[in-house]
Amino acid sequence: MQNAISRFAVPETLVDLPSDVRERILSVQEKAGFIPNVFLMLAHRPDEFRAFFAYHDALMDRESDTLTPSEKEMIVVATSGRHACLYCVVAHGAVLRIYSKNTTVADQVAVNYRTAKISERERTMLDFAMYLSFEHGALNDPWDARLKAVGFTLDDIWDIGAITAFFSLSNRLVSLATTPPNDEFYLMGRVPRDKTQKKS
C-alpha cells in the first residue's frame, strides 16, 4: 500500500487485516473498481473502522422520510467545502454528480452553495447544516418551522443534523491524516464509467 495516502500506518497488504475489514474493502473495490483511500487510511484501527462505517451506513443507506440520496450527498459536499476537506469534496462530489445526474452542481455547492443552482428546499437544508456546524446551532422553533415549510419532517431534520455532524468528524480525520482523494473520483459522474476506468 502507498504510505502517501496517510501520515499514519496503512496495511502493507489486505491479507494483514481482520477478515471482516478485508471483505468490506474488497466489496467496495468490486463495486467501484478501486479502493477509496479513506478505507485504507482507517484500516489501521479495525474497531474504529467498523464503528465509522457502521454509522456511515446507518445514516447514508437508510431511507429517510423525504431526504433523498442526492440531498444527503449535497450536505456532505457543502460541509466538506466549508471544512476545506479536499478528499470529501472530491469523493462525495463524485457521488453527488451520479445521484443528481448533474455534472456541475457538486462544484457549485462546494464553493458557494448560496449561489449554486439548487432549489429553495436544498438551500434551506444547507443553511441549517452550516448553522449547526459553524454557529454551534440547535433546532429551535424558527428553524423547525422553516425546515418543515419546505417539506422536511422531524426525522429528516435529525438526518440532516446527524449527517452534518458525522461528516464534520470525517473531514477532520481525513485532514489529520492528509489523505488525498483517489484520481478516479475526479472523473466519476463526468464521463462514462468505462472511460473513467481506462484513465485510471
N, C-alpha and C. Protein backbone atom coordinates (compact mmCIF):
# COMPACT_ATOMS: atom_id res chain seq x y z
N MET A 1 0.83 -1.20 0.00
CA MET A 1 0.00 0.00 0.00
C MET A 1 0.88 1.26 0.00
N GLN A 2 0.32 2.34 -0.50
CA GLN A 2 1.09 3.57 -0.59
C GLN A 2 1.00 4.35 0.72
N ASN A 3 2.16 4.64 1.34
CA ASN A 3 2.15 5.44 2.55
C ASN A 3 1.71 6.87 2.28
N ALA A 4 1.74 7.30 1.02
CA ALA A 4 1.36 8.66 0.67
C ALA A 4 -0.11 8.94 0.95
N ILE A 5 -0.90 7.92 1.22
CA ILE A 5 -2.32 8.17 1.46
C ILE A 5 -2.61 8.50 2.93
N SER A 6 -1.61 8.42 3.80
CA SER A 6 -1.84 8.77 5.20
C SER A 6 -0.52 9.03 5.90
N ARG A 7 -0.54 9.96 6.87
CA ARG A 7 0.62 10.16 7.72
C ARG A 7 0.74 9.06 8.77
N PHE A 8 -0.30 8.23 8.86
CA PHE A 8 -0.33 7.15 9.84
C PHE A 8 -0.16 5.82 9.12
N ALA A 9 -0.11 4.76 9.88
CA ALA A 9 0.10 3.43 9.30
C ALA A 9 -1.04 3.04 8.37
N VAL A 10 -0.69 2.37 7.30
CA VAL A 10 -1.69 1.74 6.43
C VAL A 10 -1.29 0.28 6.26
N PRO A 11 -2.23 -0.60 5.99
CA PRO A 11 -1.87 -2.02 5.87
C PRO A 11 -0.90 -2.27 4.73
N GLU A 12 0.08 -3.11 4.97
CA GLU A 12 1.01 -3.48 3.91
C GLU A 12 0.28 -4.22 2.79
N THR A 13 -0.60 -5.13 3.17
CA THR A 13 -1.46 -5.84 2.22
C THR A 13 -2.81 -6.05 2.89
N LEU A 14 -3.82 -6.32 2.10
CA LEU A 14 -5.14 -6.58 2.67
C LEU A 14 -5.17 -7.86 3.49
N VAL A 15 -4.25 -8.76 3.20
CA VAL A 15 -4.18 -10.02 3.94
C VAL A 15 -3.93 -9.78 5.42
N ASP A 16 -3.26 -8.67 5.75
CA ASP A 16 -2.93 -8.37 7.15
C ASP A 16 -4.14 -7.93 7.97
N LEU A 17 -5.26 -7.66 7.32
CA LEU A 17 -6.43 -7.10 8.01
C LEU A 17 -7.36 -8.18 8.54
N PRO A 18 -8.14 -7.87 9.58
CA PRO A 18 -9.19 -8.80 10.01
C PRO A 18 -10.12 -9.12 8.84
N SER A 19 -10.67 -10.32 8.83
CA SER A 19 -11.41 -10.78 7.66
C SER A 19 -12.61 -9.89 7.32
N ASP A 20 -13.33 -9.39 8.34
CA ASP A 20 -14.50 -8.56 8.03
C ASP A 20 -14.10 -7.22 7.43
N VAL A 21 -12.99 -6.65 7.90
CA VAL A 21 -12.50 -5.39 7.33
C VAL A 21 -12.02 -5.61 5.90
N ARG A 22 -11.28 -6.69 5.70
CA ARG A 22 -10.81 -7.03 4.36
C ARG A 22 -11.98 -7.24 3.39
N GLU A 23 -13.00 -7.96 3.84
CA GLU A 23 -14.15 -8.22 2.97
C GLU A 23 -14.90 -6.95 2.62
N ARG A 24 -15.00 -6.03 3.58
CA ARG A 24 -15.66 -4.75 3.30
C ARG A 24 -14.88 -3.97 2.25
N ILE A 25 -13.57 -3.94 2.37
CA ILE A 25 -12.75 -3.21 1.41
C ILE A 25 -12.84 -3.86 0.03
N LEU A 26 -12.79 -5.17 -0.03
CA LEU A 26 -12.86 -5.87 -1.32
C LEU A 26 -14.23 -5.68 -1.98
N SER A 27 -15.29 -5.62 -1.19
CA SER A 27 -16.61 -5.42 -1.77
C SER A 27 -16.73 -4.03 -2.38
N VAL A 28 -16.12 -3.04 -1.72
CA VAL A 28 -16.11 -1.68 -2.26
C VAL A 28 -15.28 -1.62 -3.54
N GLN A 29 -14.14 -2.30 -3.52
CA GLN A 29 -13.29 -2.34 -4.71
C GLN A 29 -14.04 -2.97 -5.90
N GLU A 30 -14.77 -4.03 -5.62
CA GLU A 30 -15.52 -4.70 -6.69
C GLU A 30 -16.59 -3.79 -7.28
N LYS A 31 -17.25 -3.04 -6.42
CA LYS A 31 -18.32 -2.16 -6.87
C LYS A 31 -17.78 -0.93 -7.59
N ALA A 32 -16.74 -0.31 -7.02
CA ALA A 32 -16.23 0.95 -7.56
C ALA A 32 -15.16 0.77 -8.63
N GLY A 33 -14.45 -0.35 -8.57
CA GLY A 33 -13.34 -0.56 -9.49
C GLY A 33 -12.01 -0.12 -8.91
N PHE A 34 -12.02 0.40 -7.69
CA PHE A 34 -10.80 0.83 -6.99
C PHE A 34 -11.11 0.89 -5.50
N ILE A 35 -10.07 1.00 -4.68
CA ILE A 35 -10.26 1.13 -3.24
C ILE A 35 -10.14 2.59 -2.84
N PRO A 36 -11.22 3.21 -2.38
CA PRO A 36 -11.11 4.59 -1.91
C PRO A 36 -10.09 4.70 -0.77
N ASN A 37 -9.26 5.71 -0.84
CA ASN A 37 -8.15 5.85 0.11
C ASN A 37 -8.60 5.90 1.56
N VAL A 38 -9.80 6.42 1.81
CA VAL A 38 -10.25 6.54 3.20
C VAL A 38 -10.38 5.17 3.87
N PHE A 39 -10.70 4.15 3.09
CA PHE A 39 -10.82 2.81 3.68
C PHE A 39 -9.46 2.31 4.19
N LEU A 40 -8.44 2.56 3.41
CA LEU A 40 -7.10 2.14 3.82
C LEU A 40 -6.57 3.02 4.95
N MET A 41 -6.92 4.30 4.93
CA MET A 41 -6.49 5.21 5.98
C MET A 41 -7.06 4.79 7.34
N LEU A 42 -8.32 4.34 7.36
CA LEU A 42 -8.96 3.96 8.62
C LEU A 42 -8.67 2.53 9.05
N ALA A 43 -8.14 1.71 8.14
CA ALA A 43 -7.99 0.27 8.41
C ALA A 43 -6.96 -0.05 9.48
N HIS A 44 -6.08 0.90 9.80
CA HIS A 44 -5.06 0.58 10.81
C HIS A 44 -5.64 0.47 12.21
N ARG A 45 -6.90 0.90 12.38
CA ARG A 45 -7.60 0.72 13.66
C ARG A 45 -8.94 0.04 13.36
N PRO A 46 -8.95 -1.29 13.31
CA PRO A 46 -10.15 -2.01 12.87
C PRO A 46 -11.41 -1.69 13.65
N ASP A 47 -11.30 -1.50 14.97
CA ASP A 47 -12.51 -1.20 15.76
C ASP A 47 -13.11 0.13 15.32
N GLU A 48 -12.26 1.12 15.08
CA GLU A 48 -12.74 2.43 14.65
C GLU A 48 -13.26 2.36 13.21
N PHE A 49 -12.60 1.59 12.38
CA PHE A 49 -13.07 1.35 11.00
C PHE A 49 -14.50 0.83 11.04
N ARG A 50 -14.73 -0.21 11.85
CA ARG A 50 -16.07 -0.81 11.93
C ARG A 50 -17.11 0.20 12.43
N ALA A 51 -16.75 0.93 13.48
CA ALA A 51 -17.69 1.89 14.05
C ALA A 51 -17.99 3.02 13.07
N PHE A 52 -16.96 3.50 12.40
CA PHE A 52 -17.11 4.59 11.43
C PHE A 52 -18.06 4.18 10.31
N PHE A 53 -17.81 3.04 9.70
CA PHE A 53 -18.63 2.65 8.55
C PHE A 53 -20.00 2.14 8.97
N ALA A 54 -20.13 1.63 10.18
CA ALA A 54 -21.46 1.25 10.66
C ALA A 54 -22.35 2.50 10.79
N TYR A 55 -21.79 3.57 11.34
CA TYR A 55 -22.59 4.79 11.47
C TYR A 55 -22.80 5.43 10.10
N HIS A 56 -21.77 5.42 9.26
CA HIS A 56 -21.92 5.93 7.90
C HIS A 56 -23.09 5.24 7.20
N ASP A 57 -23.12 3.93 7.25
CA ASP A 57 -24.16 3.18 6.55
C ASP A 57 -25.53 3.43 7.17
N ALA A 58 -25.57 3.53 8.50
CA ALA A 58 -26.84 3.78 9.17
C ALA A 58 -27.46 5.11 8.73
N LEU A 59 -26.61 6.10 8.49
CA LEU A 59 -27.09 7.41 8.06
C LEU A 59 -27.35 7.48 6.56
N MET A 60 -26.40 7.02 5.78
CA MET A 60 -26.46 7.27 4.34
C MET A 60 -27.28 6.23 3.58
N ASP A 61 -27.42 5.04 4.13
CA ASP A 61 -28.16 3.99 3.43
C ASP A 61 -29.62 3.89 3.86
N ARG A 62 -29.97 4.45 5.00
CA ARG A 62 -31.36 4.35 5.47
C ARG A 62 -32.26 5.20 4.58
N GLU A 63 -33.50 4.76 4.47
CA GLU A 63 -34.48 5.52 3.69
C GLU A 63 -35.11 6.56 4.59
N SER A 64 -34.86 7.82 4.30
CA SER A 64 -35.42 8.91 5.08
C SER A 64 -36.86 9.17 4.64
N ASP A 65 -37.57 9.98 5.41
CA ASP A 65 -38.95 10.30 5.04
C ASP A 65 -39.01 10.97 3.66
N THR A 66 -38.26 12.06 3.50
CA THR A 66 -38.26 12.77 2.21
C THR A 66 -36.85 13.11 1.73
N LEU A 67 -35.85 13.03 2.61
CA LEU A 67 -34.48 13.40 2.25
C LEU A 67 -33.94 12.38 1.26
N THR A 68 -33.50 12.86 0.10
CA THR A 68 -33.06 11.96 -0.97
C THR A 68 -31.57 11.66 -0.86
N PRO A 69 -31.09 10.59 -1.50
CA PRO A 69 -29.65 10.33 -1.53
C PRO A 69 -28.85 11.52 -2.09
N SER A 70 -29.39 12.18 -3.09
CA SER A 70 -28.71 13.35 -3.65
C SER A 70 -28.60 14.47 -2.63
N GLU A 71 -29.67 14.71 -1.87
CA GLU A 71 -29.64 15.76 -0.84
C GLU A 71 -28.66 15.40 0.26
N LYS A 72 -28.59 14.13 0.63
CA LYS A 72 -27.62 13.71 1.65
C LYS A 72 -26.20 14.02 1.19
N GLU A 73 -25.90 13.70 -0.05
CA GLU A 73 -24.55 13.96 -0.57
C GLU A 73 -24.28 15.46 -0.68
N MET A 74 -25.32 16.23 -0.95
CA MET A 74 -25.17 17.68 -1.02
C MET A 74 -24.75 18.25 0.33
N ILE A 75 -25.32 17.70 1.40
CA ILE A 75 -24.92 18.11 2.75
C ILE A 75 -23.43 17.83 2.97
N VAL A 76 -23.00 16.64 2.56
CA VAL A 76 -21.59 16.25 2.73
C VAL A 76 -20.68 17.20 1.96
N VAL A 77 -21.03 17.49 0.72
CA VAL A 77 -20.18 18.34 -0.11
C VAL A 77 -20.11 19.76 0.45
N ALA A 78 -21.24 20.30 0.85
CA ALA A 78 -21.24 21.67 1.38
C ALA A 78 -20.46 21.76 2.68
N THR A 79 -20.69 20.81 3.58
CA THR A 79 -19.96 20.79 4.85
C THR A 79 -18.46 20.62 4.62
N SER A 80 -18.11 19.71 3.74
CA SER A 80 -16.69 19.44 3.45
C SER A 80 -16.02 20.64 2.80
N GLY A 81 -16.77 21.36 1.96
CA GLY A 81 -16.22 22.57 1.34
C GLY A 81 -15.87 23.61 2.38
N ARG A 82 -16.78 23.80 3.36
CA ARG A 82 -16.51 24.77 4.42
C ARG A 82 -15.35 24.33 5.30
N HIS A 83 -15.17 23.02 5.47
CA HIS A 83 -14.06 22.49 6.26
C HIS A 83 -12.78 22.36 5.45
N ALA A 84 -12.83 22.74 4.17
CA ALA A 84 -11.67 22.65 3.28
C ALA A 84 -11.10 21.23 3.23
N CYS A 85 -11.99 20.25 3.20
CA CYS A 85 -11.56 18.85 3.14
C CYS A 85 -11.60 18.39 1.69
N LEU A 86 -10.46 18.40 1.04
CA LEU A 86 -10.40 18.06 -0.38
C LEU A 86 -10.91 16.66 -0.65
N TYR A 87 -10.49 15.70 0.18
CA TYR A 87 -10.91 14.31 -0.07
C TYR A 87 -12.43 14.20 -0.13
N CYS A 88 -13.11 14.71 0.88
CA CYS A 88 -14.56 14.54 0.94
C CYS A 88 -15.29 15.36 -0.11
N VAL A 89 -14.77 16.53 -0.45
CA VAL A 89 -15.37 17.32 -1.54
C VAL A 89 -15.30 16.54 -2.85
N VAL A 90 -14.13 16.00 -3.13
CA VAL A 90 -13.94 15.30 -4.41
C VAL A 90 -14.69 13.97 -4.44
N ALA A 91 -14.56 13.18 -3.37
CA ALA A 91 -15.20 11.86 -3.35
C ALA A 91 -16.72 11.97 -3.33
N HIS A 92 -17.24 12.79 -2.45
CA HIS A 92 -18.70 12.91 -2.36
C HIS A 92 -19.27 13.81 -3.44
N GLY A 93 -18.44 14.68 -3.99
CA GLY A 93 -18.86 15.42 -5.17
C GLY A 93 -19.13 14.47 -6.33
N ALA A 94 -18.29 13.44 -6.45
CA ALA A 94 -18.49 12.43 -7.49
C ALA A 94 -19.82 11.70 -7.29
N VAL A 95 -20.11 11.32 -6.04
CA VAL A 95 -21.36 10.61 -5.76
C VAL A 95 -22.56 11.53 -6.00
N LEU A 96 -22.42 12.81 -5.62
CA LEU A 96 -23.50 13.77 -5.86
C LEU A 96 -23.77 13.93 -7.35
N ARG A 97 -22.73 13.99 -8.16
CA ARG A 97 -22.94 14.10 -9.61
C ARG A 97 -23.71 12.89 -10.13
N ILE A 98 -23.38 11.72 -9.62
CA ILE A 98 -24.05 10.49 -10.08
C ILE A 98 -25.51 10.48 -9.64
N TYR A 99 -25.77 10.75 -8.37
CA TYR A 99 -27.15 10.73 -7.88
C TYR A 99 -28.02 11.81 -8.52
N SER A 100 -27.46 13.00 -8.68
CA SER A 100 -28.24 14.12 -9.20
C SER A 100 -28.31 14.14 -10.73
N LYS A 101 -27.42 13.36 -11.37
CA LYS A 101 -27.30 13.38 -12.84
C LYS A 101 -27.04 14.81 -13.33
N ASN A 102 -26.22 15.52 -12.56
CA ASN A 102 -25.88 16.92 -12.84
C ASN A 102 -24.37 17.06 -12.68
N THR A 103 -23.69 17.41 -13.76
CA THR A 103 -22.23 17.44 -13.74
C THR A 103 -21.65 18.69 -13.08
N THR A 104 -22.47 19.70 -12.80
CA THR A 104 -21.94 20.96 -12.28
C THR A 104 -22.32 21.26 -10.84
N VAL A 105 -23.37 20.62 -10.32
CA VAL A 105 -23.89 21.02 -9.01
C VAL A 105 -22.88 20.81 -7.89
N ALA A 106 -22.10 19.75 -7.91
CA ALA A 106 -21.16 19.48 -6.82
C ALA A 106 -20.12 20.60 -6.69
N ASP A 107 -19.59 21.06 -7.81
CA ASP A 107 -18.60 22.14 -7.76
C ASP A 107 -19.22 23.42 -7.23
N GLN A 108 -20.44 23.70 -7.66
CA GLN A 108 -21.12 24.92 -7.20
C GLN A 108 -21.39 24.87 -5.70
N VAL A 109 -21.86 23.73 -5.23
CA VAL A 109 -22.18 23.58 -3.81
C VAL A 109 -20.91 23.64 -2.95
N ALA A 110 -19.84 23.04 -3.42
CA ALA A 110 -18.59 23.02 -2.65
C ALA A 110 -18.01 24.41 -2.49
N VAL A 111 -18.11 25.23 -3.53
CA VAL A 111 -17.50 26.56 -3.48
C VAL A 111 -18.40 27.56 -2.76
N ASN A 112 -19.69 27.59 -3.13
CA ASN A 112 -20.63 28.53 -2.51
C ASN A 112 -22.05 28.07 -2.80
N TYR A 113 -22.62 27.30 -1.89
CA TYR A 113 -23.96 26.76 -2.14
C TYR A 113 -25.01 27.86 -2.25
N ARG A 114 -24.72 29.05 -1.69
CA ARG A 114 -25.71 30.13 -1.72
C ARG A 114 -25.94 30.66 -3.14
N THR A 115 -24.95 30.50 -4.02
CA THR A 115 -25.11 30.94 -5.41
C THR A 115 -25.29 29.75 -6.37
N ALA A 116 -25.30 28.54 -5.83
CA ALA A 116 -25.45 27.35 -6.67
C ALA A 116 -26.87 27.28 -7.24
N LYS A 117 -27.00 26.57 -8.35
CA LYS A 117 -28.31 26.40 -8.98
C LYS A 117 -29.02 25.21 -8.33
N ILE A 118 -29.55 25.47 -7.13
CA ILE A 118 -30.26 24.46 -6.37
C ILE A 118 -31.61 25.03 -5.94
N SER A 119 -32.48 24.17 -5.43
CA SER A 119 -33.83 24.60 -5.05
C SER A 119 -33.83 25.33 -3.71
N GLU A 120 -34.95 25.99 -3.43
CA GLU A 120 -35.11 26.66 -2.14
C GLU A 120 -35.03 25.64 -1.00
N ARG A 121 -35.62 24.48 -1.21
CA ARG A 121 -35.57 23.41 -0.21
C ARG A 121 -34.12 23.03 0.08
N GLU A 122 -33.34 22.81 -0.96
CA GLU A 122 -31.94 22.41 -0.78
C GLU A 122 -31.13 23.51 -0.12
N ARG A 123 -31.39 24.75 -0.49
CA ARG A 123 -30.64 25.86 0.13
C ARG A 123 -30.99 25.99 1.61
N THR A 124 -32.25 25.81 1.95
CA THR A 124 -32.66 25.85 3.35
C THR A 124 -31.97 24.74 4.14
N MET A 125 -31.95 23.55 3.55
CA MET A 125 -31.27 22.40 4.17
C MET A 125 -29.80 22.72 4.44
N LEU A 126 -29.12 23.31 3.46
CA LEU A 126 -27.70 23.61 3.63
C LEU A 126 -27.49 24.79 4.58
N ASP A 127 -28.40 25.76 4.58
CA ASP A 127 -28.32 26.84 5.58
C ASP A 127 -28.33 26.24 6.99
N PHE A 128 -29.21 25.26 7.20
CA PHE A 128 -29.32 24.63 8.52
C PHE A 128 -28.06 23.83 8.85
N ALA A 129 -27.53 23.11 7.87
CA ALA A 129 -26.30 22.35 8.09
C ALA A 129 -25.14 23.27 8.46
N MET A 130 -25.02 24.39 7.79
CA MET A 130 -23.95 25.33 8.11
C MET A 130 -24.16 25.96 9.49
N TYR A 131 -25.41 26.25 9.81
CA TYR A 131 -25.75 26.80 11.13
C TYR A 131 -25.34 25.83 12.23
N LEU A 132 -25.62 24.55 12.03
CA LEU A 132 -25.23 23.55 13.02
C LEU A 132 -23.72 23.44 13.16
N SER A 133 -23.03 23.40 12.02
CA SER A 133 -21.59 23.15 12.01
C SER A 133 -20.77 24.33 12.49
N PHE A 134 -21.15 25.51 12.05
CA PHE A 134 -20.24 26.65 12.23
C PHE A 134 -20.77 27.73 13.16
N GLU A 135 -22.05 27.62 13.56
CA GLU A 135 -22.59 28.58 14.52
C GLU A 135 -23.03 27.89 15.81
N HIS A 136 -22.63 26.61 15.97
CA HIS A 136 -22.98 25.85 17.17
C HIS A 136 -24.49 25.87 17.39
N GLY A 137 -25.22 25.71 16.31
CA GLY A 137 -26.66 25.86 16.35
C GLY A 137 -27.40 24.67 16.94
N ALA A 138 -28.66 24.91 17.25
CA ALA A 138 -29.57 23.88 17.76
C ALA A 138 -30.90 24.03 17.05
N LEU A 139 -31.69 22.98 17.06
CA LEU A 139 -33.02 23.06 16.45
C LEU A 139 -33.94 23.84 17.39
N ASN A 140 -34.31 25.05 16.96
CA ASN A 140 -35.24 25.87 17.73
C ASN A 140 -36.55 25.99 16.95
N ASP A 141 -37.50 26.70 17.48
CA ASP A 141 -38.81 26.80 16.83
C ASP A 141 -38.74 27.46 15.45
N PRO A 142 -38.00 28.56 15.28
CA PRO A 142 -37.93 29.15 13.94
C PRO A 142 -37.33 28.21 12.90
N TRP A 143 -36.24 27.49 13.26
CA TRP A 143 -35.66 26.55 12.32
C TRP A 143 -36.60 25.38 12.05
N ASP A 144 -37.27 24.89 13.07
CA ASP A 144 -38.22 23.81 12.89
C ASP A 144 -39.29 24.21 11.88
N ALA A 145 -39.81 25.42 12.02
CA ALA A 145 -40.85 25.90 11.11
C ALA A 145 -40.30 26.11 9.70
N ARG A 146 -39.10 26.66 9.62
CA ARG A 146 -38.51 26.93 8.30
C ARG A 146 -38.24 25.64 7.53
N LEU A 147 -37.73 24.63 8.21
CA LEU A 147 -37.43 23.36 7.56
C LEU A 147 -38.70 22.61 7.18
N LYS A 148 -39.68 22.63 8.05
CA LYS A 148 -40.93 21.95 7.73
C LYS A 148 -41.69 22.65 6.61
N ALA A 149 -41.49 23.97 6.49
CA ALA A 149 -42.17 24.72 5.42
C ALA A 149 -41.71 24.31 4.03
N VAL A 150 -40.49 23.75 3.92
CA VAL A 150 -40.00 23.29 2.62
C VAL A 150 -40.10 21.77 2.49
N GLY A 151 -40.82 21.14 3.41
CA GLY A 151 -41.16 19.74 3.23
C GLY A 151 -40.40 18.72 4.06
N PHE A 152 -39.50 19.16 4.93
CA PHE A 152 -38.76 18.20 5.75
C PHE A 152 -39.57 17.81 6.98
N THR A 153 -39.50 16.53 7.34
CA THR A 153 -40.13 16.03 8.56
C THR A 153 -39.14 16.13 9.72
N LEU A 154 -39.60 15.85 10.92
CA LEU A 154 -38.70 15.87 12.08
C LEU A 154 -37.61 14.82 11.92
N ASP A 155 -37.96 13.64 11.39
CA ASP A 155 -36.94 12.62 11.14
C ASP A 155 -35.92 13.09 10.11
N ASP A 156 -36.38 13.78 9.07
CA ASP A 156 -35.46 14.34 8.08
C ASP A 156 -34.50 15.33 8.74
N ILE A 157 -35.02 16.14 9.63
CA ILE A 157 -34.19 17.15 10.30
C ILE A 157 -33.10 16.47 11.13
N TRP A 158 -33.45 15.36 11.80
CA TRP A 158 -32.43 14.60 12.52
C TRP A 158 -31.37 14.11 11.53
N ASP A 159 -31.81 13.57 10.39
CA ASP A 159 -30.85 13.08 9.40
C ASP A 159 -29.92 14.18 8.91
N ILE A 160 -30.47 15.35 8.65
CA ILE A 160 -29.63 16.47 8.20
C ILE A 160 -28.58 16.78 9.26
N GLY A 161 -29.01 16.86 10.52
CA GLY A 161 -28.08 17.17 11.60
C GLY A 161 -27.05 16.07 11.81
N ALA A 162 -27.48 14.82 11.77
CA ALA A 162 -26.56 13.71 12.01
C ALA A 162 -25.54 13.59 10.88
N ILE A 163 -25.96 13.77 9.65
CA ILE A 163 -25.03 13.72 8.51
C ILE A 163 -24.03 14.87 8.60
N THR A 164 -24.52 16.04 8.94
CA THR A 164 -23.63 17.19 9.12
C THR A 164 -22.58 16.90 10.19
N ALA A 165 -23.01 16.36 11.32
CA ALA A 165 -22.09 16.08 12.43
C ALA A 165 -21.10 14.98 12.06
N PHE A 166 -21.61 13.90 11.46
CA PHE A 166 -20.74 12.77 11.13
C PHE A 166 -19.66 13.19 10.14
N PHE A 167 -20.03 13.94 9.12
CA PHE A 167 -19.02 14.29 8.12
C PHE A 167 -18.11 15.42 8.58
N SER A 168 -18.51 16.17 9.60
CA SER A 168 -17.55 17.08 10.23
C SER A 168 -16.43 16.25 10.87
N LEU A 169 -16.80 15.15 11.52
CA LEU A 169 -15.81 14.21 12.05
C LEU A 169 -14.95 13.63 10.93
N SER A 170 -15.58 13.16 9.88
CA SER A 170 -14.86 12.57 8.76
C SER A 170 -13.88 13.58 8.15
N ASN A 171 -14.34 14.81 7.95
CA ASN A 171 -13.47 15.85 7.41
C ASN A 171 -12.22 16.04 8.23
N ARG A 172 -12.39 16.07 9.55
CA ARG A 172 -11.26 16.31 10.43
C ARG A 172 -10.29 15.13 10.42
N LEU A 173 -10.80 13.90 10.39
CA LEU A 173 -9.92 12.73 10.36
C LEU A 173 -9.13 12.67 9.06
N VAL A 174 -9.79 12.90 7.95
CA VAL A 174 -9.10 12.84 6.65
C VAL A 174 -8.05 13.95 6.56
N SER A 175 -8.39 15.13 7.07
CA SER A 175 -7.41 16.22 7.06
C SER A 175 -6.24 15.92 8.00
N LEU A 176 -6.54 15.33 9.16
CA LEU A 176 -5.49 14.93 10.09
C LEU A 176 -4.49 14.00 9.41
N ALA A 177 -4.99 13.04 8.66
CA ALA A 177 -4.13 12.04 8.02
C ALA A 177 -3.53 12.53 6.70
N THR A 178 -3.98 13.70 6.24
CA THR A 178 -3.58 14.25 4.93
C THR A 178 -3.81 13.23 3.80
N THR A 179 -4.99 12.62 3.83
CA THR A 179 -5.34 11.62 2.83
C THR A 179 -5.89 12.28 1.58
N PRO A 180 -5.28 12.05 0.41
CA PRO A 180 -5.75 12.67 -0.82
C PRO A 180 -6.88 11.85 -1.46
N PRO A 181 -7.70 12.48 -2.27
CA PRO A 181 -8.72 11.72 -2.99
C PRO A 181 -8.08 10.87 -4.08
N ASN A 182 -8.68 9.74 -4.37
CA ASN A 182 -8.23 8.91 -5.49
C ASN A 182 -8.46 9.66 -6.80
N ASP A 183 -7.56 9.48 -7.74
CA ASP A 183 -7.72 10.12 -9.04
C ASP A 183 -9.05 9.76 -9.71
N GLU A 184 -9.51 8.54 -9.48
CA GLU A 184 -10.74 8.07 -10.14
C GLU A 184 -11.95 8.94 -9.81
N PHE A 185 -11.97 9.52 -8.61
CA PHE A 185 -13.13 10.31 -8.21
C PHE A 185 -13.35 11.53 -9.11
N TYR A 186 -12.27 12.10 -9.62
CA TYR A 186 -12.39 13.35 -10.37
C TYR A 186 -13.24 13.20 -11.63
N LEU A 187 -13.22 12.03 -12.24
CA LEU A 187 -13.97 11.83 -13.48
C LEU A 187 -15.34 11.21 -13.26
N MET A 188 -15.59 10.64 -12.10
CA MET A 188 -16.88 9.98 -11.87
C MET A 188 -18.03 10.97 -11.98
N GLY A 189 -19.05 10.57 -12.71
CA GLY A 189 -20.20 11.43 -12.92
C GLY A 189 -19.99 12.50 -13.96
N ARG A 190 -18.78 12.52 -14.55
CA ARG A 190 -18.50 13.48 -15.63
C ARG A 190 -18.37 12.78 -16.98
N VAL A 191 -17.78 11.58 -16.94
CA VAL A 191 -17.60 10.80 -18.17
C VAL A 191 -18.12 9.38 -17.90
N PRO A 192 -18.48 8.64 -18.95
CA PRO A 192 -18.95 7.27 -18.75
C PRO A 192 -17.93 6.43 -17.98
N ARG A 193 -18.43 5.48 -17.18
CA ARG A 193 -17.57 4.71 -16.29
C ARG A 193 -16.48 3.96 -17.04
N ASP A 194 -16.76 3.43 -18.22
CA ASP A 194 -15.73 2.67 -18.94
C ASP A 194 -14.55 3.55 -19.30
N LYS A 195 -14.83 4.83 -19.62
CA LYS A 195 -13.73 5.76 -19.92
C LYS A 195 -12.97 6.12 -18.66
N THR A 196 -13.67 6.24 -17.55
CA THR A 196 -13.02 6.52 -16.26
C THR A 196 -12.03 5.42 -15.91
N GLN A 197 -12.45 4.18 -16.11
CA GLN A 197 -11.58 3.06 -15.75
C GLN A 197 -10.37 2.99 -16.67
N LYS A 198 -10.52 3.36 -17.94
CA LYS A 198 -9.38 3.35 -18.84
C LYS A 198 -8.34 4.39 -18.44
N LYS A 199 -8.80 5.52 -17.83
CA LYS A 199 -7.87 6.57 -17.46
C LYS A 199 -7.16 6.25 -16.17
N SER A 200 -7.74 5.35 -15.32
CA SER A 200 -7.16 5.08 -14.01
C SER A 200 -5.98 4.13 -14.10
